[in-house]
Amino acid sequence: MIDVRTVTVVNPTAEDVVERSPLAPRLRTLAGARVGLIDNSKRNSGPFLRALDALLRERHGVAAREHYRKSNQSVPASPDVLQALAASCDAVVHAVAD
């Protein structure tokens, strides 16, 4: 006796649906700017942001920095953190480093 079965093959990939949004306008200068730094908690993001912080202050005259560290690299920054950064910063850098 032959047992015939149907096998359905599905494509396991998904199409990325990317929502387009405009880029923020460039700052004319970083001198006196308030810059937010988001550490995504990957291994080398902290050292990268410390070096970037020093560079921004020494070479570009950045006046203030706000540093936030995410609790986990796989989750987005909380809405509260994003709102605080948007309200208090002229620019934000989100570090992703390994």
PDB file of N, CA and C in Angstrom:
ATOM      1  N   MET A   1       0.834  -1.155   0.000  1.00  0.00           N
ATOM      2  CA  MET A   1       0.000   0.000   0.000  1.00  0.00           C
ATOM      3  C   MET A   1       0.898   1.243   0.000  1.00  0.00           C
ATOM      4  N   ILE A   2       0.561   2.183  -0.832  1.00  0.00           N
ATOM      5  CA  ILE A   2       1.303   3.430  -0.936  1.00  0.00           C
ATOM      6  C   ILE A   2       0.543   4.500  -0.173  1.00  0.00           C
ATOM      7  N   ASP A   3       1.285   5.196   0.676  1.00  0.00           N
ATOM      8  CA  ASP A   3       0.689   6.282   1.453  1.00  0.00           C
ATOM      9  C   ASP A   3       1.092   7.602   0.798  1.00  0.00           C
ATOM     10  N   VAL A   4       0.142   8.296   0.243  1.00  0.00           N
ATOM     11  CA  VAL A   4       0.409   9.554  -0.440  1.00  0.00           C
ATOM     12  C   VAL A   4      -0.035  10.704   0.461  1.00  0.00           C
ATOM     13  N   ARG A   5       0.885  11.634   0.684  1.00  0.00           N
ATOM     14  CA  ARG A   5       0.569  12.801   1.495  1.00  0.00           C
ATOM     15  C   ARG A   5       1.002  14.051   0.746  1.00  0.00           C
ATOM     16  N   THR A   6       0.366  15.121   1.077  1.00  0.00           N
ATOM     17  CA  THR A   6       0.709  16.399   0.472  1.00  0.00           C
ATOM     18  C   THR A   6       1.592  17.172   1.439  1.00  0.00           C
ATOM     19  N   VAL A   7       2.663  17.705   0.911  1.00  0.00           N
ATOM     20  CA  VAL A   7       3.555  18.533   1.710  1.00  0.00           C
ATOM     21  C   VAL A   7       3.467  19.954   1.170  1.00  0.00           C
ATOM     22  N   THR A   8       3.203  20.874   2.055  1.00  0.00           N
ATOM     23  CA  THR A   8       3.152  22.277   1.667  1.00  0.00           C
ATOM     24  C   THR A   8       4.461  22.932   2.078  1.00  0.00           C
ATOM     25  N   VAL A   9       5.129  23.529   1.116  1.00  0.00           N
ATOM     26  CA  VAL A   9       6.386  24.220   1.385  1.00  0.00           C
ATOM     27  C   VAL A   9       6.087  25.711   1.445  1.00  0.00           C
ATOM     28  N   VAL A  10       6.514  26.337   2.522  1.00  0.00           N
ATOM     29  CA  VAL A  10       6.279  27.769   2.661  1.00  0.00           C
ATOM     30  C   VAL A  10       7.615  28.503   2.667  1.00  0.00           C
ATOM     31  N   ASN A  11       7.571  29.729   2.259  1.00  0.00           N
ATOM     32  CA  ASN A  11       8.752  30.572   2.256  1.00  0.00           C
ATOM     33  C   ASN A  11       8.892  31.187   3.651  1.00  0.00           C
ATOM     34  N   PRO A  12       9.980  30.892   4.363  1.00  0.00           N
ATOM     35  CA  PRO A  12      10.116  31.385   5.737  1.00  0.00           C
ATOM     36  C   PRO A  12      10.584  32.839   5.843  1.00  0.00           C
ATOM     37  N   THR A  13      10.854  33.450   4.718  1.00  0.00           N
ATOM     38  CA  THR A  13      11.322  34.836   4.779  1.00  0.00           C
ATOM     39  C   THR A  13      10.142  35.788   4.713  1.00  0.00           C
ATOM     40  N   ALA A  14      10.342  36.941   5.274  1.00  0.00           N
ATOM     41  CA  ALA A  14       9.293  37.959   5.251  1.00  0.00           C
ATOM     42  C   ALA A  14       9.822  39.180   4.522  1.00  0.00           C
ATOM     43  N   GLU A  15       8.935  39.882   3.903  1.00  0.00           N
ATOM     44  CA  GLU A  15       9.331  41.124   3.265  1.00  0.00           C
ATOM     45  C   GLU A  15       9.383  42.206   4.321  1.00  0.00           C
ATOM     46  N   ASP A  16      10.470  42.955   4.300  1.00  0.00           N
ATOM     47  CA  ASP A  16      10.568  44.091   5.213  1.00  0.00           C
ATOM     48  C   ASP A  16       9.691  45.215   4.695  1.00  0.00           C
ATOM     49  N   VAL A  17       8.897  45.733   5.570  1.00  0.00           N
ATOM     50  CA  VAL A  17       8.104  46.905   5.230  1.00  0.00           C
ATOM     51  C   VAL A  17       8.751  48.073   5.968  1.00  0.00           C
ATOM     52  N   VAL A  18       9.406  48.922   5.210  1.00  0.00           N
ATOM     53  CA  VAL A  18      10.141  50.031   5.797  1.00  0.00           C
ATOM     54  C   VAL A  18       9.329  51.301   5.644  1.00  0.00           C
ATOM     55  N   GLU A  19       9.064  51.913   6.777  1.00  0.00           N
ATOM     56  CA  GLU A  19       8.348  53.177   6.757  1.00  0.00           C
ATOM     57  C   GLU A  19       9.356  54.290   6.524  1.00  0.00           C
ATOM     58  N   ARG A  20       9.167  55.045   5.502  1.00  0.00           N
ATOM     59  CA  ARG A  20      10.094  56.138   5.209  1.00  0.00           C
ATOM     60  C   ARG A  20       9.708  57.366   6.017  1.00  0.00           C
ATOM     61  N   SER A  21      10.727  57.987   6.550  1.00  0.00           N
ATOM     62  CA  SER A  21      10.499  59.242   7.262  1.00  0.00           C
ATOM     63  C   SER A  21      11.638  60.186   6.903  1.00  0.00           C
ATOM     64  N   PRO A  22      11.367  61.463   6.911  1.00  0.00           N
ATOM     65  CA  PRO A  22      12.413  62.411   6.515  1.00  0.00           C
ATOM     66  C   PRO A  22      13.516  62.485   7.568  1.00  0.00           C
ATOM     67  N   LEU A  23      14.717  62.785   7.102  1.00  0.00           N
ATOM     68  CA  LEU A  23      15.828  62.995   8.020  1.00  0.00           C
ATOM     69  C   LEU A  23      15.676  64.356   8.690  1.00  0.00           C
ATOM     70  N   ALA A  24      16.177  64.452   9.878  1.00  0.00           N
ATOM     71  CA  ALA A  24      16.178  65.744  10.571  1.00  0.00           C
ATOM     72  C   ALA A  24      17.149  66.672   9.853  1.00  0.00           C
ATOM     73  N   PRO A  25      16.872  67.953   9.867  1.00  0.00           N
ATOM     74  CA  PRO A  25      17.814  68.877   9.231  1.00  0.00           C
ATOM     75  C   PRO A  25      19.163  68.851   9.956  1.00  0.00           C
ATOM     76  N   ARG A  26      20.231  69.023   9.176  1.00  0.00           N
ATOM     77  CA  ARG A  26      21.577  69.060   9.767  1.00  0.00           C
ATOM     78  C   ARG A  26      21.743  70.299  10.638  1.00  0.00           C
ATOM     79  N   LEU A  27      22.502  70.130  11.696  1.00  0.00           N
ATOM     80  CA  LEU A  27      22.869  71.279  12.516  1.00  0.00           C
ATOM     81  C   LEU A  27      23.934  72.072  11.763  1.00  0.00           C
ATOM     82  N   ARG A  28      23.889  73.376  11.867  1.00  0.00           N
ATOM     83  CA  ARG A  28      24.918  74.197  11.218  1.00  0.00           C
ATOM     84  C   ARG A  28      26.272  73.985  11.876  1.00  0.00           C
ATOM     85  N   THR A  29      26.254  73.779  13.183  1.00  0.00           N
ATOM     86  CA  THR A  29      27.486  73.567  13.940  1.00  0.00           C
ATOM     87  C   THR A  29      27.172  72.734  15.176  1.00  0.00           C
ATOM     88  N   LEU A  30      28.182  72.051  15.662  1.00  0.00           N
ATOM     89  CA  LEU A  30      28.029  71.319  16.922  1.00  0.00           C
ATOM     90  C   LEU A  30      28.463  72.160  18.116  1.00  0.00           C
ATOM     91  N   ALA A  31      29.101  73.295  17.851  1.00  0.00           N
ATOM     92  CA  ALA A  31      29.559  74.170  18.933  1.00  0.00           C
ATOM     93  C   ALA A  31      28.364  74.615  19.772  1.00  0.00           C
ATOM     94  N   GLY A  32      28.424  74.313  21.054  1.00  0.00           N
ATOM     95  CA  GLY A  32      27.347  74.677  21.963  1.00  0.00           C
ATOM     96  C   GLY A  32      26.135  73.761  21.908  1.00  0.00           C
ATOM     97  N   ALA A  33      26.181  72.738  21.069  1.00  0.00           N
ATOM     98  CA  ALA A  33      25.030  71.837  20.915  1.00  0.00           C
ATOM     99  C   ALA A  33      24.899  70.902  22.114  1.00  0.00           C
ATOM    100  N   ARG A  34      23.676  70.447  22.323  1.00  0.00           N
ATOM    101  CA  ARG A  34      23.381  69.433  23.337  1.00  0.00           C
ATOM    102  C   ARG A  34      23.189  68.119  22.593  1.00  0.00           C
ATOM    103  N   VAL A  35      24.008  67.121  22.908  1.00  0.00           N
ATOM    104  CA  VAL A  35      24.000  65.852  22.182  1.00  0.00           C
ATOM    105  C   VAL A  35      23.633  64.719  23.131  1.00  0.00           C
ATOM    106  N   GLY A  36      22.685  63.896  22.712  1.00  0.00           N
ATOM    107  CA  GLY A  36      22.304  62.713  23.467  1.00  0.00           C
ATOM    108  C   GLY A  36      23.048  61.507  22.932  1.00  0.00           C
ATOM    109  N   LEU A  37      23.495  60.640  23.816  1.00  0.00           N
ATOM    110  CA  LEU A  37      24.214  59.427  23.440  1.00  0.00           C
ATOM    111  C   LEU A  37      23.452  58.230  23.999  1.00  0.00           C
ATOM    112  N   ILE A  38      23.048  57.325  23.116  1.00  0.00           N
ATOM    113  CA  ILE A  38      22.339  56.116  23.550  1.00  0.00           C
ATOM    114  C   ILE A  38      23.267  54.925  23.373  1.00  0.00           C
ATOM    115  N   ASP A  39      23.544  54.238  24.457  1.00  0.00           N
ATOM    116  CA  ASP A  39      24.378  53.038  24.478  1.00  0.00           C
ATOM    117  C   ASP A  39      23.437  51.842  24.374  1.00  0.00           C
ATOM    118  N   ASN A  40      23.617  51.018  23.335  1.00  0.00           N
ATOM    119  CA  ASN A  40      22.687  49.907  23.156  1.00  0.00           C
ATOM    120  C   ASN A  40      23.039  48.696  24.013  1.00  0.00           C
ATOM    121  N   SER A  41      24.056  48.786  24.837  1.00  0.00           N
ATOM    122  CA  SER A  41      24.506  47.773  25.792  1.00  0.00           C
ATOM    123  C   SER A  41      25.278  46.624  25.156  1.00  0.00           C
ATOM    124  N   LYS A  42      25.658  46.749  23.883  1.00  0.00           N
ATOM    125  CA  LYS A  42      26.564  45.756  23.310  1.00  0.00           C
ATOM    126  C   LYS A  42      27.956  46.002  23.870  1.00  0.00           C
ATOM    127  N   ARG A  43      28.803  45.011  23.735  1.00  0.00           N
ATOM    128  CA  ARG A  43      30.094  44.999  24.417  1.00  0.00           C
ATOM    129  C   ARG A  43      30.945  46.253  24.206  1.00  0.00           C
ATOM    130  N   ASN A  44      31.085  46.744  23.005  1.00  0.00           N
ATOM    131  CA  ASN A  44      31.991  47.867  22.761  1.00  0.00           C
ATOM    132  C   ASN A  44      31.300  49.208  22.564  1.00  0.00           C
ATOM    133  N   SER A  45      30.010  49.264  22.784  1.00  0.00           N
ATOM    134  CA  SER A  45      29.328  50.543  22.578  1.00  0.00           C
ATOM    135  C   SER A  45      29.727  51.573  23.636  1.00  0.00           C
ATOM    136  N   GLY A  46      29.985  51.147  24.860  1.00  0.00           N
ATOM    137  CA  GLY A  46      30.422  52.069  25.914  1.00  0.00           C
ATOM    138  C   GLY A  46      31.749  52.736  25.588  1.00  0.00           C
ATOM    139  N   PRO A  47      32.804  51.951  25.273  1.00  0.00           N
ATOM    140  CA  PRO A  47      34.080  52.569  24.902  1.00  0.00           C
ATOM    141  C   PRO A  47      33.964  53.464  23.663  1.00  0.00           C
ATOM    142  N   PHE A  48      33.158  53.045  22.696  1.00  0.00           N
ATOM    143  CA  PHE A  48      32.962  53.871  21.499  1.00  0.00           C
ATOM    144  C   PHE A  48      32.349  55.220  21.878  1.00  0.00           C
ATOM    145  N   LEU A  49      31.307  55.196  22.700  1.00  0.00           N
ATOM    146  CA  LEU A  49      30.645  56.445  23.072  1.00  0.00           C
ATOM    147  C   LEU A  49      31.532  57.341  23.940  1.00  0.00           C
ATOM    148  N   ARG A  50      32.360  56.746  24.790  1.00  0.00           N
ATOM    149  CA  ARG A  50      33.286  57.566  25.581  1.00  0.00           C
ATOM    150  C   ARG A  50      34.278  58.282  24.664  1.00  0.00           C
ATOM    151  N   ALA A  51      34.794  57.566  23.665  1.00  0.00           N
ATOM    152  CA  ALA A  51      35.723  58.186  22.710  1.00  0.00           C
ATOM    153  C   ALA A  51      35.011  59.254  21.885  1.00  0.00           C
ATOM    154  N   LEU A  52      33.790  58.956  21.446  1.00  0.00           N
ATOM    155  CA  LEU A  52      33.023  59.931  20.672  1.00  0.00           C
ATOM    156  C   LEU A  52      32.709  61.165  21.515  1.00  0.00           C
ATOM    157  N   ASP A  53      32.352  60.959  22.762  1.00  0.00           N
ATOM    158  CA  ASP A  53      32.059  62.067  23.672  1.00  0.00           C
ATOM    159  C   ASP A  53      33.269  62.998  23.783  1.00  0.00           C
ATOM    160  N   ALA A  54      34.447  62.426  23.994  1.00  0.00           N
ATOM    161  CA  ALA A  54      35.664  63.238  24.096  1.00  0.00           C
ATOM    162  C   ALA A  54      35.929  63.989  22.795  1.00  0.00           C
ATOM    163  N   LEU A  55      35.764  63.318  21.673  1.00  0.00           N
ATOM    164  CA  LEU A  55      35.977  63.943  20.364  1.00  0.00           C
ATOM    165  C   LEU A  55      34.997  65.088  20.131  1.00  0.00           C
ATOM    166  N   LEU A  56      33.739  64.877  20.463  1.00  0.00           N
ATOM    167  CA  LEU A  56      32.727  65.920  20.276  1.00  0.00           C
ATOM    168  C   LEU A  56      33.034  67.153  21.129  1.00  0.00           C
ATOM    169  N   ARG A  57      33.491  66.938  22.346  1.00  0.00           N
ATOM    170  CA  ARG A  57      33.815  68.067  23.222  1.00  0.00           C
ATOM    171  C   ARG A  57      35.083  68.787  22.764  1.00  0.00           C
ATOM    172  N   GLU A  58      36.141  68.007  22.476  1.00  0.00           N
ATOM    173  CA  GLU A  58      37.442  68.600  22.153  1.00  0.00           C
ATOM    174  C   GLU A  58      37.472  69.269  20.779  1.00  0.00           C
ATOM    175  N   ARG A  59      36.942  68.603  19.783  1.00  0.00           N
ATOM    176  CA  ARG A  59      37.058  69.119  18.413  1.00  0.00           C
ATOM    177  C   ARG A  59      35.890  69.979  17.961  1.00  0.00           C
ATOM    178  N   HIS A  60      34.725  69.754  18.556  1.00  0.00           N
ATOM    179  CA  HIS A  60      33.532  70.422  18.034  1.00  0.00           C
ATOM    180  C   HIS A  60      32.824  71.315  19.045  1.00  0.00           C
ATOM    181  N   GLY A  61      33.312  71.364  20.269  1.00  0.00           N
ATOM    182  CA  GLY A  61      32.745  72.277  21.251  1.00  0.00           C
ATOM    183  C   GLY A  61      31.339  71.951  21.710  1.00  0.00           C
ATOM    184  N   VAL A  62      30.987  70.669  21.690  1.00  0.00           N
ATOM    185  CA  VAL A  62      29.669  70.268  22.191  1.00  0.00           C
ATOM    186  C   VAL A  62      29.567  70.684  23.653  1.00  0.00           C
ATOM    187  N   ALA A  63      28.474  71.317  23.995  1.00  0.00           N
ATOM    188  CA  ALA A  63      28.320  71.895  25.331  1.00  0.00           C
ATOM    189  C   ALA A  63      27.837  70.892  26.370  1.00  0.00           C
ATOM    190  N   ALA A  64      26.892  70.059  26.020  1.00  0.00           N
ATOM    191  CA  ALA A  64      26.298  69.156  27.004  1.00  0.00           C
ATOM    192  C   ALA A  64      26.023  67.813  26.355  1.00  0.00           C
ATOM    193  N   ARG A  65      26.127  66.784  27.176  1.00  0.00           N
ATOM    194  CA  ARG A  65      25.821  65.446  26.692  1.00  0.00           C
ATOM    195  C   ARG A  65      24.888  64.772  27.673  1.00  0.00           C
ATOM    196  N   GLU A  66      23.952  64.029  27.134  1.00  0.00           N
ATOM    197  CA  GLU A  66      23.090  63.186  27.961  1.00  0.00           C
ATOM    198  C   GLU A  66      23.352  61.760  27.526  1.00  0.00           C
ATOM    199  N   HIS A  67      23.652  60.900  28.480  1.00  0.00           N
ATOM    200  CA  HIS A  67      24.016  59.525  28.170  1.00  0.00           C
ATOM    201  C   HIS A  67      22.954  58.586  28.739  1.00  0.00           C
ATOM    202  N   TYR A  68      22.406  57.757  27.874  1.00  0.00           N
ATOM    203  CA  TYR A  68      21.438  56.741  28.297  1.00  0.00           C
ATOM    204  C   TYR A  68      21.958  55.379  27.878  1.00  0.00           C
ATOM    205  N   ARG A  69      21.801  54.383  28.731  1.00  0.00           N
ATOM    206  CA  ARG A  69      22.186  53.012  28.403  1.00  0.00           C
ATOM    207  C   ARG A  69      20.926  52.157  28.397  1.00  0.00           C
ATOM    208  N   LYS A  70      20.690  51.502  27.265  1.00  0.00           N
ATOM    209  CA  LYS A  70      19.543  50.602  27.187  1.00  0.00           C
ATOM    210  C   LYS A  70      19.821  49.363  28.032  1.00  0.00           C
ATOM    211  N   SER A  71      18.775  48.785  28.585  1.00  0.00           N
ATOM    212  CA  SER A  71      18.944  47.604  29.426  1.00  0.00           C
ATOM    213  C   SER A  71      19.245  46.361  28.604  1.00  0.00           C
ATOM    214  N   ASN A  72      18.864  46.385  27.336  1.00  0.00           N
ATOM    215  CA  ASN A  72      19.025  45.213  26.486  1.00  0.00           C
ATOM    216  C   ASN A  72      19.169  45.677  25.045  1.00  0.00           C
ATOM    217  N   GLN A  73      20.098  45.077  24.317  1.00  0.00           N
ATOM    218  CA  GLN A  73      20.349  45.498  22.944  1.00  0.00           C
ATOM    219  C   GLN A  73      19.214  45.169  21.982  1.00  0.00           C
ATOM    220  N   SER A  74      18.365  44.232  22.325  1.00  0.00           N
ATOM    221  CA  SER A  74      17.334  43.798  21.383  1.00  0.00           C
ATOM    222  C   SER A  74      16.004  44.534  21.534  1.00  0.00           C
ATOM    223  N   VAL A  75      15.932  45.468  22.455  1.00  0.00           N
ATOM    224  CA  VAL A  75      14.695  46.233  22.622  1.00  0.00           C
ATOM    225  C   VAL A  75      14.954  47.698  22.282  1.00  0.00           C
ATOM    226  N   PRO A  76      13.951  48.385  21.784  1.00  0.00           N
ATOM    227  CA  PRO A  76      14.155  49.806  21.484  1.00  0.00           C
ATOM    228  C   PRO A  76      14.272  50.627  22.768  1.00  0.00           C
ATOM    229  N   ALA A  77      14.818  51.805  22.620  1.00  0.00           N
ATOM    230  CA  ALA A  77      14.846  52.731  23.754  1.00  0.00           C
ATOM    231  C   ALA A  77      13.407  53.043  24.147  1.00  0.00           C
ATOM    232  N   SER A  78      13.183  53.235  25.415  1.00  0.00           N
ATOM    233  CA  SER A  78      11.817  53.466  25.894  1.00  0.00           C
ATOM    234  C   SER A  78      11.280  54.795  25.363  1.00  0.00           C
ATOM    235  N   PRO A  79       9.970  54.880  25.185  1.00  0.00           N
ATOM    236  CA  PRO A  79       9.373  56.141  24.736  1.00  0.00           C
ATOM    237  C   PRO A  79       9.721  57.311  25.658  1.00  0.00           C
ATOM    238  N   ASP A  80       9.820  57.062  26.965  1.00  0.00           N
ATOM    239  CA  ASP A  80      10.181  58.134  27.902  1.00  0.00           C
ATOM    240  C   ASP A  80      11.578  58.678  27.613  1.00  0.00           C
ATOM    241  N   VAL A  81      12.524  57.779  27.357  1.00  0.00           N
ATOM    242  CA  VAL A  81      13.893  58.204  27.043  1.00  0.00           C
ATOM    243  C   VAL A  81      13.910  58.976  25.733  1.00  0.00           C
ATOM    244  N   LEU A  82      13.219  58.469  24.720  1.00  0.00           N
ATOM    245  CA  LEU A  82      13.194  59.153  23.421  1.00  0.00           C
ATOM    246  C   LEU A  82      12.567  60.537  23.537  1.00  0.00           C
ATOM    247  N   GLN A  83      11.497  60.649  24.311  1.00  0.00           N
ATOM    248  CA  GLN A  83      10.863  61.959  24.499  1.00  0.00           C
ATOM    249  C   GLN A  83      11.781  62.917  25.248  1.00  0.00           C
ATOM    250  N   ALA A  84      12.476  62.408  26.266  1.00  0.00           N
ATOM    251  CA  ALA A  84      13.405  63.253  27.025  1.00  0.00           C
ATOM    252  C   ALA A  84      14.538  63.741  26.131  1.00  0.00           C
ATOM    253  N   LEU A  85      15.074  62.853  25.301  1.00  0.00           N
ATOM    254  CA  LEU A  85      16.151  63.244  24.392  1.00  0.00           C
ATOM    255  C   LEU A  85      15.655  64.252  23.362  1.00  0.00           C
ATOM    256  N   ALA A  86      14.482  64.019  22.818  1.00  0.00           N
ATOM    257  CA  ALA A  86      13.930  64.940  21.815  1.00  0.00           C
ATOM    258  C   ALA A  86      13.713  66.326  22.408  1.00  0.00           C
ATOM    259  N   ALA A  87      13.323  66.382  23.673  1.00  0.00           N
ATOM    260  CA  ALA A  87      13.046  67.667  24.313  1.00  0.00           C
ATOM    261  C   ALA A  87      14.311  68.406  24.735  1.00  0.00           C
ATOM    262  N   SER A  88      15.390  67.663  25.017  1.00  0.00           N
ATOM    263  CA  SER A  88      16.560  68.319  25.602  1.00  0.00           C
ATOM    264  C   SER A  88      17.814  68.316  24.733  1.00  0.00           C
ATOM    265  N   CYS A  89      17.768  67.666  23.578  1.00  0.00           N
ATOM    266  CA  CYS A  89      18.978  67.541  22.757  1.00  0.00           C
ATOM    267  C   CYS A  89      18.784  68.128  21.366  1.00  0.00           C
ATOM    268  N   ASP A  90      19.894  68.622  20.821  1.00  0.00           N
ATOM    269  CA  ASP A  90      19.899  69.098  19.440  1.00  0.00           C
ATOM    270  C   ASP A  90      20.176  67.962  18.466  1.00  0.00           C
ATOM    271  N   ALA A  91      20.885  66.931  18.932  1.00  0.00           N
ATOM    272  CA  ALA A  91      21.231  65.771  18.107  1.00  0.00           C
ATOM    273  C   ALA A  91      21.374  64.565  19.021  1.00  0.00           C
ATOM    274  N   VAL A  92      21.193  63.364  18.449  1.00  0.00           N
ATOM    275  CA  VAL A  92      21.319  62.124  19.218  1.00  0.00           C
ATOM    276  C   VAL A  92      22.126  61.125  18.405  1.00  0.00           C
ATOM    277  N   VAL A  93      23.034  60.405  19.090  1.00  0.00           N
ATOM    278  CA  VAL A  93      23.804  59.323  18.480  1.00  0.00           C
ATOM    279  C   VAL A  93      23.401  58.044  19.196  1.00  0.00           C
ATOM    280  N   HIS A  94      22.989  57.041  18.416  1.00  0.00           N
ATOM    281  CA  HIS A  94      22.651  55.735  18.978  1.00  0.00           C
ATOM    282  C   HIS A  94      23.754  54.778  18.554  1.00  0.00           C
ATOM    283  N   ALA A  95      24.552  54.321  19.520  1.00  0.00           N
ATOM    284  CA  ALA A  95      25.701  53.473  19.214  1.00  0.00           C
ATOM    285  C   ALA A  95      25.294  52.017  19.129  1.00  0.00           C
ATOM    286  N   VAL A  96      25.728  51.371  18.070  1.00  0.00           N
ATOM    287  CA  VAL A  96      25.574  49.933  17.898  1.00  0.00           C
ATOM    288  C   VAL A  96      26.981  49.410  17.657  1.00  0.00           C
ATOM    289  N   ALA A  97      27.536  48.683  18.612  1.00  0.00           N
ATOM    290  CA  ALA A  97      28.924  48.245  18.476  1.00  0.00           C
ATOM    291  C   ALA A  97      29.094  46.837  19.021  1.00  0.00           C
ATOM    292  N   ASP A  98      30.004  46.106  18.446  1.00  0.00           N
ATOM    293  CA  ASP A  98      30.390  44.774  18.933  1.00  0.00           C
ATOM    294  C   ASP A  98      31.866  44.759  19.237  1.00  0.00           C
TER     295      ASP A  98
END
